[in-house]
N, C-alpha and C. Protein backbone atom coordinates (compact mmCIF):
# COMPACT_ATOMS: atom_id res chain seq x y z
N MET A 1 0.81 -1.28 -0.02
CA MET A 1 -0.10 0.06 0.12
C MET A 1 0.91 1.04 0.11
N ALA A 2 0.53 2.34 -0.88
CA ALA A 2 1.17 3.40 -0.89
C ALA A 2 1.11 4.37 0.36
N ASP A 3 2.31 4.98 0.84
CA ASP A 3 2.17 5.96 1.85
C ASP A 3 1.47 7.21 1.34
N LEU A 4 0.73 7.90 1.92
CA LEU A 4 0.21 9.24 1.64
C LEU A 4 1.05 10.12 1.90
N PRO A 5 1.28 11.17 1.15
CA PRO A 5 2.28 12.45 1.89
C PRO A 5 1.97 13.04 2.97
N GLY A 6 2.69 13.78 3.77
CA GLY A 6 2.55 14.19 4.92
C GLY A 6 1.28 15.61 4.94
N PHE A 7 1.47 15.89 3.61
CA PHE A 7 0.54 16.96 3.42
C PHE A 7 -1.04 16.53 3.33
N LEU A 8 -1.12 15.55 3.20
CA LEU A 8 -2.79 14.76 3.03
C LEU A 8 -2.79 13.53 4.09
N ASN A 9 -3.66 13.65 4.99
CA ASN A 9 -3.70 12.52 5.80
C ASN A 9 -5.28 12.28 5.80
N LYS A 10 -5.76 11.16 6.40
CA LYS A 10 -6.89 10.47 6.13
C LYS A 10 -7.93 11.56 6.49
N SER A 11 -7.95 12.50 7.63
CA SER A 11 -8.90 13.64 7.74
C SER A 11 -9.05 14.44 6.62
N ASP A 12 -7.95 14.72 6.06
CA ASP A 12 -8.08 15.50 4.88
C ASP A 12 -8.59 15.10 3.73
N PHE A 13 -8.36 13.71 3.54
CA PHE A 13 -9.02 13.06 2.54
C PHE A 13 -10.68 12.90 2.62
N TYR A 14 -11.02 12.42 3.98
CA TYR A 14 -12.69 12.27 3.92
C TYR A 14 -13.14 13.92 3.93
N GLY A 15 -12.33 14.93 4.62
CA GLY A 15 -13.19 16.28 4.79
C GLY A 15 -13.09 17.14 3.88
N LYS A 16 -12.10 16.83 2.88
CA LYS A 16 -11.82 17.76 1.88
C LYS A 16 -11.69 17.38 0.49
N VAL A 17 -11.64 16.19 0.32
CA VAL A 17 -11.29 15.74 -1.05
C VAL A 17 -12.40 14.75 -1.52
N LEU A 18 -12.80 13.83 -0.73
CA LEU A 18 -13.74 12.77 -1.28
C LEU A 18 -15.06 13.11 -1.58
N SER A 19 -15.42 14.20 -1.02
CA SER A 19 -16.89 14.80 -1.65
C SER A 19 -16.61 15.23 -3.04
N GLY A 20 -15.50 16.09 -3.36
CA GLY A 20 -15.32 16.22 -4.70
C GLY A 20 -15.31 15.05 -5.98
N TYR A 21 -14.70 14.14 -5.39
CA TYR A 21 -14.50 12.92 -6.01
C TYR A 21 -15.76 12.40 -6.58
N ILE A 22 -16.66 12.33 -5.58
CA ILE A 22 -18.07 11.89 -5.75
C ILE A 22 -18.72 12.74 -6.52
N ALA A 23 -19.01 13.94 -6.31
CA ALA A 23 -19.51 14.80 -7.24
C ALA A 23 -19.19 14.81 -8.50
N VAL A 24 -17.70 14.86 -8.97
CA VAL A 24 -17.37 14.85 -10.49
C VAL A 24 -17.70 13.53 -10.76
N ILE A 25 -17.66 12.28 -10.36
CA ILE A 25 -18.02 11.03 -11.02
C ILE A 25 -19.31 10.87 -10.99
N ILE A 26 -20.13 11.39 -10.06
CA ILE A 26 -21.76 11.19 -10.24
C ILE A 26 -22.17 12.18 -11.52
N SER A 27 -21.49 13.51 -11.47
CA SER A 27 -21.70 14.47 -12.80
C SER A 27 -21.45 13.83 -14.20
N ILE A 28 -20.14 13.10 -14.17
CA ILE A 28 -19.86 12.45 -15.67
C ILE A 28 -20.96 11.40 -15.76
N PHE A 29 -21.23 10.68 -14.82
CA PHE A 29 -22.11 9.55 -15.13
C PHE A 29 -23.51 10.13 -15.82
N LEU A 30 -24.09 11.20 -15.06
CA LEU A 30 -25.22 11.67 -15.19
C LEU A 30 -25.54 12.62 -16.70
N PHE A 31 -24.31 13.41 -16.78
CA PHE A 31 -24.44 14.45 -17.51
C PHE A 31 -23.56 13.93 -19.15
N TRP A 32 -22.83 13.26 -19.07
CA TRP A 32 -21.75 12.86 -19.85
C TRP A 32 -21.71 11.22 -20.14
N PRO A 33 -22.47 10.46 -19.96
CA PRO A 33 -22.37 9.16 -19.92
C PRO A 33 -21.74 8.54 -21.18
N ASP A 34 -22.22 8.94 -22.24
CA ASP A 34 -21.59 8.50 -23.59
C ASP A 34 -20.08 8.80 -23.65
N TYR A 35 -19.62 10.08 -23.21
CA TYR A 35 -18.22 10.09 -23.01
C TYR A 35 -17.45 9.40 -22.32
N PHE A 36 -18.02 9.21 -21.05
CA PHE A 36 -17.26 8.44 -20.10
C PHE A 36 -17.10 6.68 -20.58
N PHE A 37 -18.15 6.26 -21.15
CA PHE A 37 -17.68 4.82 -21.58
C PHE A 37 -17.19 4.59 -22.83
N GLN A 38 -16.88 5.89 -23.81
CA GLN A 38 -16.36 5.83 -24.75
C GLN A 38 -14.79 5.99 -24.86
N LEU A 39 -14.33 6.20 -23.53
CA LEU A 39 -12.92 6.32 -23.08
C LEU A 39 -12.13 5.31 -23.16
N THR A 40 -12.81 4.17 -23.37
CA THR A 40 -11.92 2.85 -23.45
C THR A 40 -11.64 2.95 -25.13
N LYS A 41 -12.40 3.35 -25.73
CA LYS A 41 -12.06 3.37 -27.23
C LYS A 41 -11.16 4.75 -27.68
N SER A 42 -10.86 4.73 -28.73
CA SER A 42 -9.92 5.87 -29.38
C SER A 42 -10.83 7.23 -29.31
N THR A 43 -10.47 7.97 -28.60
CA THR A 43 -11.15 9.47 -28.51
C THR A 43 -10.26 10.40 -28.48
N GLU A 44 -10.82 11.71 -28.67
CA GLU A 44 -9.99 12.80 -28.49
C GLU A 44 -8.96 13.04 -27.35
N VAL A 45 -9.57 12.54 -26.29
CA VAL A 45 -8.75 12.68 -25.02
C VAL A 45 -8.65 11.38 -24.54
N SER A 46 -7.28 10.98 -24.04
CA SER A 46 -6.99 9.59 -23.73
C SER A 46 -7.68 9.49 -22.34
N ALA A 47 -7.68 8.09 -21.94
CA ALA A 47 -8.14 7.82 -20.52
C ALA A 47 -7.31 8.18 -19.67
N ASP A 48 -6.09 7.91 -19.89
CA ASP A 48 -4.95 8.66 -18.87
C ASP A 48 -4.86 10.01 -18.72
N ILE A 49 -5.40 10.84 -19.48
CA ILE A 49 -5.44 12.48 -19.46
C ILE A 49 -6.76 12.67 -18.37
N PHE A 50 -7.71 12.09 -19.14
CA PHE A 50 -9.00 12.08 -18.15
C PHE A 50 -8.85 11.70 -16.94
N THR A 51 -8.12 10.49 -16.50
CA THR A 51 -8.24 10.19 -15.09
C THR A 51 -7.25 10.91 -14.36
N ALA A 52 -6.32 11.59 -14.75
CA ALA A 52 -5.35 12.51 -14.30
C ALA A 52 -6.25 13.80 -13.99
N VAL A 53 -6.88 14.21 -15.06
CA VAL A 53 -7.74 15.77 -14.77
C VAL A 53 -8.65 15.29 -13.45
N VAL A 54 -9.44 14.24 -13.67
CA VAL A 54 -10.48 13.97 -12.62
C VAL A 54 -9.79 13.83 -11.13
N PHE A 55 -8.76 12.86 -11.08
CA PHE A 55 -8.45 12.47 -9.96
C PHE A 55 -7.39 13.32 -9.23
N LEU A 56 -6.89 14.19 -10.03
CA LEU A 56 -5.47 15.08 -9.34
C LEU A 56 -6.30 16.47 -9.38
N VAL A 57 -6.99 16.80 -10.28
CA VAL A 57 -7.39 18.20 -10.31
C VAL A 57 -9.09 18.36 -9.93
N ALA A 58 -9.59 17.84 -10.58
CA ALA A 58 -11.19 18.35 -10.45
C ALA A 58 -11.69 17.93 -9.14
N GLY A 59 -11.58 16.59 -8.79
CA GLY A 59 -12.11 15.99 -7.61
C GLY A 59 -11.70 16.75 -6.47
N PRO A 60 -10.10 17.05 -6.26
CA PRO A 60 -9.68 17.58 -5.13
C PRO A 60 -10.25 19.05 -5.05
N ALA A 61 -10.08 19.77 -6.12
CA ALA A 61 -10.40 21.05 -6.27
C ALA A 61 -11.99 21.17 -5.90
N LEU A 62 -12.75 20.42 -6.49
CA LEU A 62 -14.32 20.74 -6.03
C LEU A 62 -14.79 20.31 -4.52
N GLY A 63 -13.83 19.27 -4.14
CA GLY A 63 -14.14 18.62 -2.74
C GLY A 63 -13.66 19.96 -1.80
N TYR A 64 -12.23 20.66 -1.97
CA TYR A 64 -12.09 21.69 -1.07
C TYR A 64 -12.85 22.88 -1.33
N THR A 65 -13.40 23.20 -2.58
CA THR A 65 -14.39 24.30 -2.59
C THR A 65 -15.61 24.27 -1.89
N LEU A 66 -16.13 22.80 -1.85
CA LEU A 66 -17.39 22.69 -1.16
C LEU A 66 -17.10 22.87 0.26
N PHE A 67 -15.87 22.15 0.84
CA PHE A 67 -15.47 22.62 2.28
C PHE A 67 -15.53 23.81 2.46
N LEU A 68 -14.78 24.58 1.65
CA LEU A 68 -14.57 26.16 2.12
C LEU A 68 -16.08 26.77 2.16
N PHE A 69 -16.95 26.31 1.08
CA PHE A 69 -18.10 27.04 1.03
C PHE A 69 -19.10 26.67 2.16
N HIS A 70 -19.13 25.43 2.67
CA HIS A 70 -19.85 25.37 3.74
C HIS A 70 -19.44 25.87 5.03
N ARG A 71 -18.18 25.87 5.31
CA ARG A 71 -17.31 26.47 6.44
C ARG A 71 -17.59 28.04 6.36
N TYR A 72 -17.41 28.71 5.60
CA TYR A 72 -17.46 30.19 5.32
C TYR A 72 -19.03 30.68 5.24
N LEU A 73 -19.82 29.83 4.55
CA LEU A 73 -20.95 30.16 4.72
C LEU A 73 -21.83 30.49 6.05
N TYR A 74 -21.29 29.28 6.85
CA TYR A 74 -21.48 29.58 8.46
C TYR A 74 -21.11 30.67 8.94
N THR A 75 -19.66 30.93 8.73
CA THR A 75 -18.95 32.18 8.98
C THR A 75 -19.70 33.46 8.74
N ILE A 76 -20.07 33.65 7.54
CA ILE A 76 -20.98 34.80 7.12
C ILE A 76 -22.29 34.90 7.78
N ARG A 77 -22.83 33.74 7.82
CA ARG A 77 -24.20 33.62 8.66
C ARG A 77 -24.07 34.42 9.97
N SER A 78 -22.89 33.78 10.67
CA SER A 78 -22.60 34.51 12.00
C SER A 78 -22.32 35.82 12.07
N ALA A 79 -21.58 36.37 11.04
CA ALA A 79 -21.12 37.70 11.00
C ALA A 79 -22.26 38.81 10.66
N LEU A 80 -23.26 38.01 10.01
CA LEU A 80 -24.58 39.03 9.82
C LEU A 80 -25.70 38.81 10.87
N GLU A 81 -25.26 38.03 11.78
CA GLU A 81 -26.08 37.73 12.97
C GLU A 81 -26.34 39.04 13.85
N SER A 82 -27.51 39.46 13.96
CA SER A 82 -27.87 40.99 14.55
C SER A 82 -27.87 40.69 16.29
N ASP A 83 -28.00 39.45 16.87
CA ASP A 83 -27.91 39.44 18.29
C ASP A 83 -26.59 39.45 18.67
N THR A 84 -26.14 40.44 19.19
CA THR A 84 -24.74 40.61 20.00
C THR A 84 -24.32 39.54 20.83
N ALA A 85 -25.23 39.04 21.72
CA ALA A 85 -24.99 37.82 22.57
C ALA A 85 -24.39 36.86 21.58
N LYS A 86 -25.29 36.20 20.65
CA LYS A 86 -24.81 35.18 19.86
C LYS A 86 -23.40 35.36 19.07
N LYS A 87 -23.20 36.70 18.77
CA LYS A 87 -22.05 37.04 18.40
C LYS A 87 -20.69 36.65 19.11
N ASN A 88 -21.05 37.05 20.33
CA ASN A 88 -19.88 37.06 21.39
C ASN A 88 -19.78 35.69 21.92
N ASP A 89 -20.99 34.83 21.73
CA ASP A 89 -20.74 33.47 22.22
C ASP A 89 -19.97 32.71 20.97
N ARG A 90 -20.21 33.17 19.86
CA ARG A 90 -19.36 32.48 18.86
C ARG A 90 -18.20 32.96 18.85
N ALA A 91 -17.58 34.21 19.07
CA ALA A 91 -16.28 34.54 19.13
C ALA A 91 -15.66 33.75 20.51
N THR A 92 -16.35 33.62 21.44
CA THR A 92 -15.69 33.06 22.64
C THR A 92 -15.53 31.34 22.37
N PHE A 93 -16.39 30.77 21.71
CA PHE A 93 -16.21 29.39 21.07
C PHE A 93 -15.21 29.49 20.16
N ILE A 94 -14.92 30.22 19.33
CA ILE A 94 -13.83 30.18 18.35
C ILE A 94 -12.41 30.33 19.25
N GLU A 95 -12.36 31.25 20.22
CA GLU A 95 -11.16 31.56 21.06
C GLU A 95 -11.17 30.08 21.96
N ASN A 96 -11.99 29.57 22.20
CA ASN A 96 -11.59 28.48 23.26
C ASN A 96 -11.23 27.20 22.30
N TYR A 97 -11.89 27.15 20.99
CA TYR A 97 -11.44 26.07 20.07
C TYR A 97 -10.07 26.23 19.84
N TYR A 98 -9.52 27.35 19.57
CA TYR A 98 -7.94 27.38 19.23
C TYR A 98 -7.08 27.19 20.38
N THR A 99 -7.83 27.68 21.59
CA THR A 99 -7.02 27.22 22.58
C THR A 99 -6.83 25.73 22.96
N VAL A 100 -7.91 24.88 22.69
CA VAL A 100 -7.70 23.73 22.81
C VAL A 100 -6.95 22.91 21.80
N ARG A 101 -7.05 23.41 20.68
CA ARG A 101 -6.18 22.98 19.50
C ARG A 101 -4.68 23.23 19.83
N THR A 102 -4.56 24.30 20.70
CA THR A 102 -3.19 24.74 20.61
C THR A 102 -2.42 23.72 21.97
N PHE A 103 -3.27 23.41 22.80
CA PHE A 103 -2.75 22.80 24.22
C PHE A 103 -3.19 21.25 24.16
N CYS A 104 -4.01 20.61 23.48
CA CYS A 104 -4.48 19.36 23.52
C CYS A 104 -3.36 18.37 23.15
N SER A 105 -3.40 17.24 23.32
CA SER A 105 -2.46 16.10 22.71
C SER A 105 -2.55 15.92 21.43
N ASP A 106 -1.60 15.02 20.94
CA ASP A 106 -1.78 14.77 19.61
C ASP A 106 -2.79 13.80 19.25
N ALA A 107 -3.20 12.92 20.25
CA ALA A 107 -4.42 11.92 20.11
C ALA A 107 -5.56 12.75 20.33
N GLU A 108 -5.77 13.70 20.86
CA GLU A 108 -7.11 14.60 21.06
C GLU A 108 -7.35 15.34 19.70
N ARG A 109 -6.03 16.00 19.24
CA ARG A 109 -6.16 16.60 18.10
C ARG A 109 -6.69 15.87 16.74
N GLN A 110 -6.18 14.58 16.81
CA GLN A 110 -6.47 13.56 15.72
C GLN A 110 -8.17 13.42 16.08
N GLU A 111 -8.42 13.18 17.01
CA GLU A 111 -9.86 13.01 17.27
C GLU A 111 -10.80 14.25 16.85
N ILE A 112 -10.34 15.34 17.16
CA ILE A 112 -11.05 16.65 16.77
C ILE A 112 -11.07 16.55 15.30
N ASP A 113 -9.77 16.28 14.60
CA ASP A 113 -9.76 16.29 13.09
C ASP A 113 -10.71 15.10 12.44
N GLN A 114 -10.63 14.06 12.95
CA GLN A 114 -11.19 13.11 12.29
C GLN A 114 -13.01 13.24 12.35
N THR A 115 -13.41 13.75 13.78
CA THR A 115 -14.63 14.13 13.74
C THR A 115 -14.95 15.05 13.05
N GLU A 116 -14.23 16.42 12.92
CA GLU A 116 -14.63 17.44 11.87
C GLU A 116 -14.79 16.89 10.30
N ALA A 117 -13.66 15.89 10.28
CA ALA A 117 -13.62 15.47 8.79
C ALA A 117 -14.84 14.65 8.42
N GLU A 118 -15.61 13.97 9.19
CA GLU A 118 -16.67 13.20 9.05
C GLU A 118 -18.01 13.99 8.76
N GLU A 119 -17.86 15.43 9.57
CA GLU A 119 -19.06 16.10 9.47
C GLU A 119 -18.93 16.90 8.15
N ASP A 120 -17.66 17.49 7.87
CA ASP A 120 -17.12 17.95 6.54
C ASP A 120 -17.58 17.25 5.28
N PHE A 121 -17.42 16.02 5.59
CA PHE A 121 -17.80 14.91 4.05
C PHE A 121 -19.25 14.95 4.03
N SER A 122 -19.80 14.82 5.08
CA SER A 122 -21.38 14.55 4.91
C SER A 122 -22.26 16.06 4.48
N ILE A 123 -21.58 16.99 5.24
CA ILE A 123 -22.35 18.43 4.41
C ILE A 123 -22.00 18.68 3.09
N SER A 124 -20.49 18.61 2.73
CA SER A 124 -20.09 19.06 1.51
C SER A 124 -20.66 17.94 0.39
N THR A 125 -21.13 16.73 0.79
CA THR A 125 -21.44 15.87 0.05
C THR A 125 -22.93 16.04 -0.32
N GLY A 126 -23.65 16.38 0.80
CA GLY A 126 -24.91 16.77 0.64
C GLY A 126 -25.29 17.92 -0.22
N ILE A 127 -24.15 18.90 0.05
CA ILE A 127 -24.45 20.03 -0.96
C ILE A 127 -24.22 19.57 -2.39
N ALA A 128 -23.35 18.97 -2.69
CA ALA A 128 -22.83 18.31 -3.96
C ALA A 128 -24.04 17.68 -4.46
N LEU A 129 -24.54 16.58 -3.86
CA LEU A 129 -25.83 15.83 -4.43
C LEU A 129 -27.01 16.71 -4.81
N LEU A 130 -27.18 17.66 -3.74
CA LEU A 130 -28.30 18.78 -4.07
C LEU A 130 -27.85 19.60 -5.23
N VAL A 131 -27.00 19.80 -5.52
CA VAL A 131 -26.76 20.74 -6.70
C VAL A 131 -26.81 20.14 -7.90
N ILE A 132 -26.20 18.74 -7.74
CA ILE A 132 -26.63 17.95 -9.06
C ILE A 132 -27.91 17.60 -9.18
N ASP A 133 -28.43 17.27 -8.32
CA ASP A 133 -29.99 17.00 -8.43
C ASP A 133 -30.65 18.33 -9.03
N ILE A 134 -30.34 19.39 -8.61
CA ILE A 134 -30.94 20.58 -9.05
C ILE A 134 -30.69 20.96 -10.67
N PHE A 135 -29.43 20.57 -11.23
CA PHE A 135 -29.20 20.56 -12.63
C PHE A 135 -29.82 19.51 -13.17
N TYR A 136 -29.79 18.42 -12.47
CA TYR A 136 -30.23 17.49 -13.34
C TYR A 136 -31.60 17.30 -13.64
N VAL A 137 -32.46 17.88 -12.57
CA VAL A 137 -33.80 18.06 -12.90
C VAL A 137 -34.06 19.35 -13.80
N THR A 138 -33.23 20.29 -13.64
CA THR A 138 -33.75 21.43 -14.79
C THR A 138 -33.28 20.87 -16.13
N HIS A 139 -32.26 20.17 -16.35
CA HIS A 139 -32.15 19.90 -17.45
C HIS A 139 -32.69 18.68 -18.20
N ASN A 140 -33.35 17.79 -17.39
CA ASN A 140 -34.25 16.80 -17.67
C ASN A 140 -35.56 16.75 -16.85
N PHE A 141 -36.45 17.84 -17.52
CA PHE A 141 -37.54 18.02 -16.63
C PHE A 141 -38.80 17.24 -17.34
N ASP A 142 -38.75 15.99 -16.56
CA ASP A 142 -39.77 14.91 -16.93
C ASP A 142 -39.78 14.01 -16.09
N LEU A 143 -40.35 13.07 -16.27
CA LEU A 143 -40.61 12.00 -14.94
C LEU A 143 -39.58 10.74 -15.39
N ASP A 144 -38.69 10.81 -16.66
CA ASP A 144 -37.85 9.86 -16.79
C ASP A 144 -36.68 9.95 -15.95
N ASN A 145 -36.17 8.87 -15.42
CA ASN A 145 -35.17 8.72 -14.39
C ASN A 145 -35.53 9.42 -13.17
N LEU A 146 -36.74 9.21 -12.79
CA LEU A 146 -37.25 9.87 -11.47
C LEU A 146 -36.70 9.08 -10.23
N HIS A 147 -36.09 7.81 -10.24
CA HIS A 147 -35.50 7.21 -9.51
C HIS A 147 -33.95 7.82 -9.09
N ILE A 148 -33.49 8.37 -10.04
CA ILE A 148 -32.14 9.17 -9.78
C ILE A 148 -32.53 10.30 -9.39
N LYS A 149 -33.29 11.26 -9.70
CA LYS A 149 -33.65 12.31 -9.07
C LYS A 149 -34.08 12.38 -7.77
N LEU A 150 -34.84 11.38 -7.42
CA LEU A 150 -35.19 11.10 -5.88
C LEU A 150 -34.13 10.62 -5.22
N GLY A 151 -33.33 9.72 -5.68
CA GLY A 151 -32.31 9.19 -5.04
C GLY A 151 -31.25 10.28 -4.66
N LEU A 152 -30.67 11.37 -5.37
CA LEU A 152 -29.97 12.26 -5.20
C LEU A 152 -30.52 13.17 -4.12
N LEU A 153 -31.94 13.74 -4.36
CA LEU A 153 -32.49 14.47 -3.34
C LEU A 153 -32.47 13.73 -2.09
N PHE A 154 -32.96 12.62 -2.01
CA PHE A 154 -32.79 11.85 -0.51
C PHE A 154 -31.56 11.48 -0.15
N GLY A 155 -30.63 11.21 -0.98
CA GLY A 155 -29.10 11.38 -0.34
C GLY A 155 -28.63 12.52 0.18
N SER A 156 -28.95 13.62 -0.44
CA SER A 156 -28.72 14.76 0.12
C SER A 156 -29.28 15.44 1.58
N ILE A 157 -30.49 14.99 1.59
CA ILE A 157 -31.53 15.12 2.84
C ILE A 157 -31.00 14.26 3.93
N PHE A 158 -30.52 12.92 3.53
CA PHE A 158 -30.02 11.98 4.67
C PHE A 158 -28.73 12.57 5.10
N LEU A 159 -27.76 13.34 4.17
CA LEU A 159 -26.36 13.38 4.52
C LEU A 159 -26.55 14.94 5.47
N PHE A 160 -27.63 15.76 5.25
CA PHE A 160 -27.73 16.99 5.87
C PHE A 160 -28.03 16.58 7.32
N LEU A 161 -29.01 15.47 7.36
CA LEU A 161 -29.63 15.27 8.83
C LEU A 161 -28.50 14.32 9.39
N SER A 162 -27.94 13.75 8.84
CA SER A 162 -26.74 12.96 9.47
C SER A 162 -25.61 13.68 10.10
N THR A 163 -25.40 14.92 9.40
CA THR A 163 -24.56 16.05 9.89
C THR A 163 -25.24 16.78 11.03
N ILE A 164 -26.32 16.99 11.36
CA ILE A 164 -26.82 17.64 12.34
C ILE A 164 -26.93 16.71 13.65
N LEU A 165 -27.32 15.10 13.37
CA LEU A 165 -27.05 14.26 14.23
C LEU A 165 -25.73 14.10 14.92
N HIS A 166 -24.80 14.05 13.77
CA HIS A 166 -23.20 13.95 13.87
C HIS A 166 -22.70 15.15 14.95
N ASN A 167 -23.26 16.31 14.43
CA ASN A 167 -22.73 17.54 15.43
C ASN A 167 -23.10 17.53 16.73
N LYS A 168 -24.45 16.90 17.05
CA LYS A 168 -25.01 16.78 18.32
C LYS A 168 -24.56 15.83 19.22
N GLU A 169 -24.25 14.83 18.53
CA GLU A 169 -23.91 13.55 19.43
C GLU A 169 -22.22 13.06 19.21
N SER A 170 -21.54 13.71 18.37
CA SER A 170 -20.37 13.34 18.40
C SER A 170 -19.34 14.67 18.51
N TYR A 171 -19.72 15.65 17.81
CA TYR A 171 -18.65 16.84 17.69
C TYR A 171 -18.65 17.61 18.92
N SER A 172 -19.97 18.05 19.05
CA SER A 172 -20.20 19.05 20.25
C SER A 172 -19.80 18.26 21.40
N PRO A 173 -20.11 17.22 21.65
CA PRO A 173 -19.70 16.59 23.13
C PRO A 173 -18.16 16.36 23.20
N LEU A 174 -17.33 16.17 22.11
CA LEU A 174 -16.19 16.24 22.14
C LEU A 174 -15.43 17.29 22.44
N ILE A 175 -15.88 18.42 21.64
CA ILE A 175 -15.16 19.84 21.72
C ILE A 175 -15.53 20.36 23.33
N ASN A 176 -16.76 20.18 23.64
CA ASN A 176 -17.18 20.80 24.77
C ASN A 176 -16.47 20.16 26.14
N ILE A 177 -16.03 18.96 25.98
CA ILE A 177 -15.08 18.24 26.84
C ILE A 177 -13.86 18.82 27.09
N LEU A 178 -13.25 19.03 25.68
CA LEU A 178 -11.83 19.35 25.71
C LEU A 178 -11.90 21.03 26.08
N ILE A 179 -13.02 21.88 25.74
CA ILE A 179 -13.07 23.19 26.30
C ILE A 179 -12.94 23.13 27.56
N LEU A 180 -13.81 22.19 28.18
CA LEU A 180 -13.66 22.32 29.83
C LEU A 180 -12.22 22.04 30.25
N LYS A 181 -11.61 21.09 29.59
CA LYS A 181 -10.29 20.30 30.20
C LYS A 181 -9.09 21.47 29.78
N TYR A 182 -9.39 22.22 29.02
CA TYR A 182 -8.11 23.24 28.70
C TYR A 182 -8.43 24.88 28.72
N CYS A 183 -9.64 25.03 28.92
CA CYS A 183 -9.94 26.54 28.89
C CYS A 183 -10.48 27.12 30.35
């Protein structure tokens, strides 16, 4: 098995890259199925170049973009919050969070990273599936392939709900315990 370089670990792969791969591959199958299946034959673009573009460029770029989108969307929403108490609570949480990350052990930091990566994967993939579904429905506005349209919709809803549950039952308890320990 190949070693992953130091700049890419398991948490980074799950939280920042994997959702992009999933989105790109599903999009290719839905929007350009003929192109994908013709790659094995002689085409304008070789399968090697196509694979390199998808797996080295498009997948990671889209995954990281989805990650940044949902993280900064939350930040922007918090900045627009009119309730000063909520803004102060968020500022205190961020300060406590970085205090925890500064002083916690490597094992605790890995646990935080893994928990965040699981949540990032769910929300990023949910966003990707929802956007793909919207494009697919608007480009194929009929009842054909209803199972695909509903599958993407329910998949995104499931991922959004699992993100909420994960935050409530995994991430929040973990970070709250560590804040109590280090702050």
